[in-house]
């Protein structure tokens, strides 16, 4: 009878150990390798601000502003470049905004 109990205990321990995280084997999210180029960073670096002379003052929430400044330190990409690229992408993804502005301008001219 004690053999059955010890066998049952062994099975319980085995099952519990399978469900428990293994020491040294932590589950980690898939990380990109440091040597592997990140596509968005390449696109940001390629974005040219040379012919842009208009400036707009923009306000950000503190966490967003901090992230942008840390991104600049980590990658060397200027915040102006990131914001310019992001706005261009936003407007390309939402062409209805350009249409709205065109309609407004036509209405003013009348």
N, C-alpha and C. Protein backbone atom coordinates (compact mmCIF):
# COMPACT_ATOMS: atom_id res chain seq x y z
N UNK A 1 0.81 -1.19 0.00
CA UNK A 1 0.00 0.00 0.00
C UNK A 1 0.86 1.26 0.00
N UNK A 2 1.93 1.25 0.78
CA UNK A 2 2.80 2.43 0.80
C UNK A 2 3.49 2.62 -0.54
N UNK A 3 3.68 1.51 -1.28
CA UNK A 3 4.29 1.62 -2.61
C UNK A 3 3.38 2.39 -3.57
N UNK A 4 2.06 2.15 -3.45
CA UNK A 4 1.11 2.87 -4.30
C UNK A 4 1.09 4.36 -3.95
N UNK A 5 1.17 4.66 -2.65
CA UNK A 5 1.18 6.06 -2.25
C UNK A 5 2.44 6.75 -2.75
N UNK A 6 3.57 6.07 -2.64
CA UNK A 6 4.81 6.69 -3.09
C UNK A 6 4.81 6.85 -4.61
N UNK A 7 4.23 5.90 -5.33
CA UNK A 7 4.12 6.02 -6.79
C UNK A 7 3.21 7.20 -7.15
N UNK A 8 2.10 7.35 -6.43
CA UNK A 8 1.19 8.46 -6.66
C UNK A 8 1.88 9.79 -6.34
N UNK A 9 2.66 9.82 -5.25
CA UNK A 9 3.40 11.02 -4.91
C UNK A 9 4.41 11.38 -5.99
N UNK A 10 5.07 10.37 -6.51
CA UNK A 10 6.05 10.60 -7.58
C UNK A 10 5.37 11.18 -8.81
N UNK A 11 4.21 10.65 -9.16
CA UNK A 11 3.48 11.15 -10.32
C UNK A 11 3.03 12.60 -10.10
N UNK A 12 2.53 12.88 -8.88
CA UNK A 12 2.11 14.25 -8.58
C UNK A 12 3.29 15.21 -8.69
N UNK A 13 4.41 14.82 -8.15
CA UNK A 13 5.61 15.68 -8.21
C UNK A 13 6.06 15.89 -9.64
N UNK A 14 5.99 14.84 -10.43
CA UNK A 14 6.40 14.94 -11.83
C UNK A 14 5.50 15.91 -12.59
N UNK A 15 4.19 15.81 -12.36
CA UNK A 15 3.23 16.70 -13.01
C UNK A 15 3.43 18.14 -12.54
N UNK A 16 3.64 18.32 -11.25
CA UNK A 16 3.84 19.67 -10.71
C UNK A 16 5.12 20.28 -11.26
N UNK A 17 6.16 19.48 -11.43
CA UNK A 17 7.43 19.99 -11.96
C UNK A 17 7.31 20.38 -13.43
N UNK A 18 6.46 19.70 -14.17
CA UNK A 18 6.26 20.06 -15.58
C UNK A 18 5.60 21.43 -15.70
N UNK A 19 4.65 21.71 -14.81
CA UNK A 19 3.94 22.98 -14.85
C UNK A 19 4.73 24.12 -14.25
N UNK A 20 5.65 23.83 -13.36
CA UNK A 20 6.46 24.88 -12.73
C UNK A 20 7.56 25.30 -13.68
N UNK A 21 7.95 26.58 -13.65
CA UNK A 21 9.04 27.03 -14.52
C UNK A 21 10.35 26.38 -14.10
N UNK A 22 11.11 25.96 -15.10
CA UNK A 22 12.39 25.33 -14.85
C UNK A 22 13.42 26.38 -14.46
N UNK A 23 14.24 26.12 -13.44
CA UNK A 23 15.30 27.09 -13.12
C UNK A 23 16.31 27.15 -14.25
N UNK A 24 16.66 28.37 -14.65
CA UNK A 24 17.61 28.53 -15.74
C UNK A 24 16.93 28.59 -17.10
N UNK A 25 15.70 28.12 -17.15
CA UNK A 25 14.95 28.16 -18.41
C UNK A 25 13.79 29.11 -18.23
N UNK A 26 14.03 30.37 -18.39
CA UNK A 26 12.97 31.35 -18.27
C UNK A 26 12.39 31.61 -19.64
N UNK A 27 11.10 31.78 -19.65
CA UNK A 27 10.44 32.09 -20.91
C UNK A 27 10.69 33.55 -21.24
N UNK A 28 11.20 33.79 -22.41
CA UNK A 28 11.46 35.16 -22.81
C UNK A 28 10.79 35.43 -24.14
N UNK A 29 10.44 36.69 -24.30
CA UNK A 29 9.85 37.09 -25.57
C UNK A 29 10.93 37.06 -26.64
N UNK A 30 10.50 36.88 -27.87
CA UNK A 30 11.45 36.87 -28.96
C UNK A 30 12.07 38.24 -29.10
N UNK A 31 13.36 38.31 -29.00
CA UNK A 31 14.07 39.59 -29.10
C UNK A 31 14.81 39.63 -30.43
N UNK A 32 14.93 40.83 -30.98
CA UNK A 32 15.71 40.96 -32.19
C UNK A 32 17.18 40.99 -31.80
N UNK A 33 17.99 40.45 -32.64
CA UNK A 33 19.42 40.45 -32.40
C UNK A 33 19.95 41.87 -32.59
N UNK A 34 20.92 42.28 -31.78
CA UNK A 34 21.45 43.64 -31.93
C UNK A 34 22.06 43.89 -33.31
N UNK A 35 22.59 42.85 -33.94
CA UNK A 35 23.21 43.01 -35.25
C UNK A 35 22.17 43.08 -36.36
N UNK A 36 20.96 42.63 -36.07
CA UNK A 36 19.91 42.58 -37.08
C UNK A 36 19.31 43.97 -37.25
N UNK A 37 19.33 44.53 -38.47
CA UNK A 37 18.80 45.89 -38.65
C UNK A 37 17.28 45.90 -38.48
N UNK A 38 16.78 46.90 -37.82
CA UNK A 38 15.35 47.05 -37.63
C UNK A 38 14.85 47.91 -38.79
N UNK A 39 13.84 47.42 -39.48
CA UNK A 39 13.36 48.04 -40.72
C UNK A 39 12.92 49.48 -40.48
N UNK A 40 12.19 49.75 -39.43
CA UNK A 40 11.69 51.11 -39.20
C UNK A 40 12.83 52.08 -38.94
N UNK A 41 13.89 51.63 -38.29
CA UNK A 41 15.03 52.51 -38.05
C UNK A 41 15.72 52.87 -39.36
N UNK A 42 15.81 51.92 -40.26
CA UNK A 42 16.39 52.19 -41.58
C UNK A 42 15.53 53.19 -42.35
N UNK A 43 14.21 53.05 -42.24
CA UNK A 43 13.31 53.98 -42.92
C UNK A 43 13.44 55.39 -42.33
N UNK A 44 13.57 55.48 -41.01
CA UNK A 44 13.74 56.77 -40.36
C UNK A 44 15.06 57.42 -40.76
N UNK A 45 16.11 56.63 -40.82
CA UNK A 45 17.41 57.18 -41.21
C UNK A 45 17.39 57.66 -42.66
N UNK A 46 16.64 56.98 -43.50
CA UNK A 46 16.57 57.34 -44.92
C UNK A 46 15.67 58.56 -45.17
N UNK A 47 14.80 58.88 -44.22
CA UNK A 47 13.90 60.02 -44.38
C UNK A 47 14.72 61.31 -44.37
N UNK A 48 14.58 62.10 -45.43
CA UNK A 48 15.40 63.29 -45.61
C UNK A 48 14.63 64.54 -45.21
N UNK A 49 15.22 65.31 -44.31
CA UNK A 49 14.62 66.57 -43.86
C UNK A 49 15.29 67.79 -44.50
N UNK A 50 16.21 67.58 -45.42
CA UNK A 50 17.01 68.68 -45.97
C UNK A 50 16.16 69.77 -46.61
N UNK A 51 15.11 69.40 -47.32
CA UNK A 51 14.31 70.41 -48.02
C UNK A 51 13.10 70.88 -47.20
N UNK A 52 13.02 70.48 -45.95
CA UNK A 52 11.92 70.89 -45.09
C UNK A 52 12.34 72.12 -44.28
N UNK A 53 11.64 73.23 -44.48
CA UNK A 53 12.00 74.43 -43.73
C UNK A 53 10.87 74.93 -42.84
N UNK A 54 9.71 74.31 -42.89
CA UNK A 54 8.60 74.71 -42.03
C UNK A 54 8.75 74.05 -40.67
N UNK A 55 8.42 74.81 -39.62
CA UNK A 55 8.51 74.26 -38.27
C UNK A 55 7.17 74.44 -37.57
N UNK A 56 6.81 73.43 -36.80
CA UNK A 56 5.58 73.46 -36.01
C UNK A 56 5.95 73.01 -34.61
N UNK A 57 5.47 73.74 -33.62
CA UNK A 57 5.70 73.37 -32.23
C UNK A 57 4.66 72.32 -31.86
N UNK A 58 5.12 71.19 -31.35
CA UNK A 58 4.23 70.08 -31.02
C UNK A 58 4.37 69.75 -29.54
N UNK A 59 3.25 69.45 -28.91
CA UNK A 59 3.27 69.04 -27.50
C UNK A 59 2.98 67.54 -27.42
N UNK A 60 3.72 66.87 -26.55
CA UNK A 60 3.55 65.44 -26.33
C UNK A 60 3.30 65.17 -24.86
N UNK A 61 2.68 64.04 -24.58
CA UNK A 61 2.56 63.59 -23.19
C UNK A 61 3.97 63.28 -22.69
N UNK A 62 4.19 63.41 -21.40
CA UNK A 62 5.53 63.21 -20.85
C UNK A 62 6.15 61.85 -21.20
N UNK A 63 5.40 60.75 -21.09
CA UNK A 63 6.03 59.46 -21.44
C UNK A 63 6.45 59.38 -22.91
N UNK A 64 5.64 59.97 -23.79
CA UNK A 64 5.96 59.96 -25.22
C UNK A 64 7.19 60.81 -25.49
N UNK A 65 7.25 61.97 -24.89
CA UNK A 65 8.41 62.85 -25.07
C UNK A 65 9.67 62.18 -24.55
N UNK A 66 9.57 61.55 -23.40
CA UNK A 66 10.73 60.86 -22.83
C UNK A 66 11.19 59.73 -23.75
N UNK A 67 10.24 58.97 -24.27
CA UNK A 67 10.58 57.88 -25.18
C UNK A 67 11.27 58.40 -26.43
N UNK A 68 10.78 59.50 -26.98
CA UNK A 68 11.40 60.08 -28.17
C UNK A 68 12.83 60.53 -27.89
N UNK A 69 13.05 61.14 -26.74
CA UNK A 69 14.40 61.58 -26.39
C UNK A 69 15.33 60.40 -26.14
N UNK A 70 14.80 59.33 -25.53
CA UNK A 70 15.62 58.13 -25.32
C UNK A 70 15.91 57.45 -26.66
N UNK A 71 14.94 57.49 -27.57
CA UNK A 71 15.15 56.92 -28.90
C UNK A 71 16.28 57.66 -29.61
N UNK A 72 16.29 58.97 -29.46
CA UNK A 72 17.36 59.76 -30.07
C UNK A 72 18.72 59.36 -29.52
N UNK A 73 18.80 59.19 -28.22
CA UNK A 73 20.06 58.79 -27.61
C UNK A 73 20.48 57.38 -28.04
N UNK A 74 19.51 56.50 -28.15
CA UNK A 74 19.81 55.11 -28.48
C UNK A 74 20.19 54.92 -29.94
N UNK A 75 19.58 55.72 -30.84
CA UNK A 75 19.78 55.49 -32.27
C UNK A 75 20.49 56.63 -32.98
N UNK A 76 20.48 57.82 -32.38
CA UNK A 76 21.07 58.98 -33.04
C UNK A 76 20.14 59.63 -34.04
N UNK A 77 18.89 59.19 -34.08
CA UNK A 77 17.91 59.76 -35.02
C UNK A 77 17.21 60.92 -34.33
N UNK A 78 17.23 62.09 -34.97
CA UNK A 78 16.63 63.29 -34.40
C UNK A 78 15.12 63.13 -34.22
N UNK A 79 14.59 63.77 -33.19
CA UNK A 79 13.16 63.72 -32.91
C UNK A 79 12.37 64.34 -34.06
N UNK A 80 12.89 65.42 -34.66
CA UNK A 80 12.21 66.04 -35.81
C UNK A 80 12.02 65.05 -36.95
N UNK A 81 13.01 64.22 -37.16
CA UNK A 81 12.94 63.22 -38.22
C UNK A 81 11.86 62.19 -37.92
N UNK A 82 11.79 61.75 -36.67
CA UNK A 82 10.79 60.75 -36.27
C UNK A 82 9.39 61.32 -36.43
N UNK A 83 9.19 62.55 -35.96
CA UNK A 83 7.87 63.16 -36.02
C UNK A 83 7.47 63.44 -37.48
N UNK A 84 8.39 63.96 -38.26
CA UNK A 84 8.09 64.22 -39.67
C UNK A 84 7.71 62.95 -40.42
N UNK A 85 8.47 61.89 -40.18
CA UNK A 85 8.19 60.60 -40.82
C UNK A 85 6.82 60.06 -40.37
N UNK A 86 6.56 60.16 -39.06
CA UNK A 86 5.30 59.63 -38.52
C UNK A 86 4.09 60.37 -39.08
N UNK A 87 4.20 61.69 -39.18
CA UNK A 87 3.08 62.48 -39.71
C UNK A 87 2.87 62.16 -41.18
N UNK A 88 3.96 62.05 -41.94
CA UNK A 88 3.82 61.71 -43.36
C UNK A 88 3.13 60.36 -43.51
N UNK A 89 3.54 59.36 -42.73
CA UNK A 89 2.92 58.04 -42.79
C UNK A 89 1.44 58.11 -42.42
N UNK A 90 1.13 58.89 -41.38
CA UNK A 90 -0.25 59.05 -40.93
C UNK A 90 -1.12 59.62 -42.05
N UNK A 91 -0.62 60.67 -42.71
CA UNK A 91 -1.40 61.29 -43.78
C UNK A 91 -1.54 60.38 -44.99
N UNK A 92 -0.52 59.57 -45.26
CA UNK A 92 -0.62 58.62 -46.37
C UNK A 92 -1.62 57.51 -46.06
N UNK A 93 -1.72 57.14 -44.81
CA UNK A 93 -2.66 56.08 -44.42
C UNK A 93 -4.10 56.58 -44.35
N UNK A 94 -4.28 57.90 -44.24
CA UNK A 94 -5.62 58.49 -44.13
C UNK A 94 -5.80 59.59 -45.17
N UNK A 95 -5.94 59.21 -46.45
CA UNK A 95 -6.06 60.22 -47.51
C UNK A 95 -7.34 61.05 -47.39
N UNK A 96 -8.30 60.58 -46.62
CA UNK A 96 -9.53 61.35 -46.45
C UNK A 96 -9.26 62.69 -45.76
N UNK A 97 -8.18 62.78 -45.00
CA UNK A 97 -7.83 64.05 -44.36
C UNK A 97 -7.40 65.08 -45.40
N UNK A 98 -6.65 64.65 -46.40
CA UNK A 98 -6.26 65.57 -47.48
C UNK A 98 -7.49 66.03 -48.25
N UNK A 99 -8.41 65.12 -48.49
CA UNK A 99 -9.64 65.46 -49.20
C UNK A 99 -10.45 66.48 -48.41
N UNK A 100 -10.53 66.29 -47.11
CA UNK A 100 -11.24 67.21 -46.24
C UNK A 100 -10.64 68.61 -46.31
N UNK A 101 -9.32 68.70 -46.28
CA UNK A 101 -8.64 70.00 -46.36
C UNK A 101 -8.88 70.64 -47.72
N UNK A 102 -8.80 69.86 -48.79
CA UNK A 102 -9.05 70.40 -50.13
C UNK A 102 -10.46 70.96 -50.25
N UNK A 103 -11.43 70.23 -49.71
CA UNK A 103 -12.82 70.71 -49.76
C UNK A 103 -12.97 72.01 -48.96
N UNK A 104 -12.32 72.09 -47.83
CA UNK A 104 -12.37 73.30 -47.01
C UNK A 104 -11.76 74.49 -47.76
N UNK A 105 -10.62 74.26 -48.39
CA UNK A 105 -9.96 75.35 -49.14
C UNK A 105 -10.82 75.82 -50.31
N UNK A 106 -11.47 74.90 -51.00
CA UNK A 106 -12.34 75.27 -52.10
C UNK A 106 -13.54 76.07 -51.60
N UNK A 107 -14.04 75.72 -50.44
CA UNK A 107 -15.17 76.42 -49.85
C UNK A 107 -14.78 77.87 -49.48
N UNK A 108 -13.57 78.05 -48.99
CA UNK A 108 -13.09 79.40 -48.61
C UNK A 108 -12.95 80.26 -49.85
N UNK A 109 -12.45 79.69 -50.95
CA UNK A 109 -12.20 80.47 -52.17
C UNK A 109 -13.48 80.98 -52.80
N UNK A 110 -14.59 80.33 -52.56
CA UNK A 110 -15.85 80.76 -53.15
C UNK A 110 -16.29 82.00 -52.50
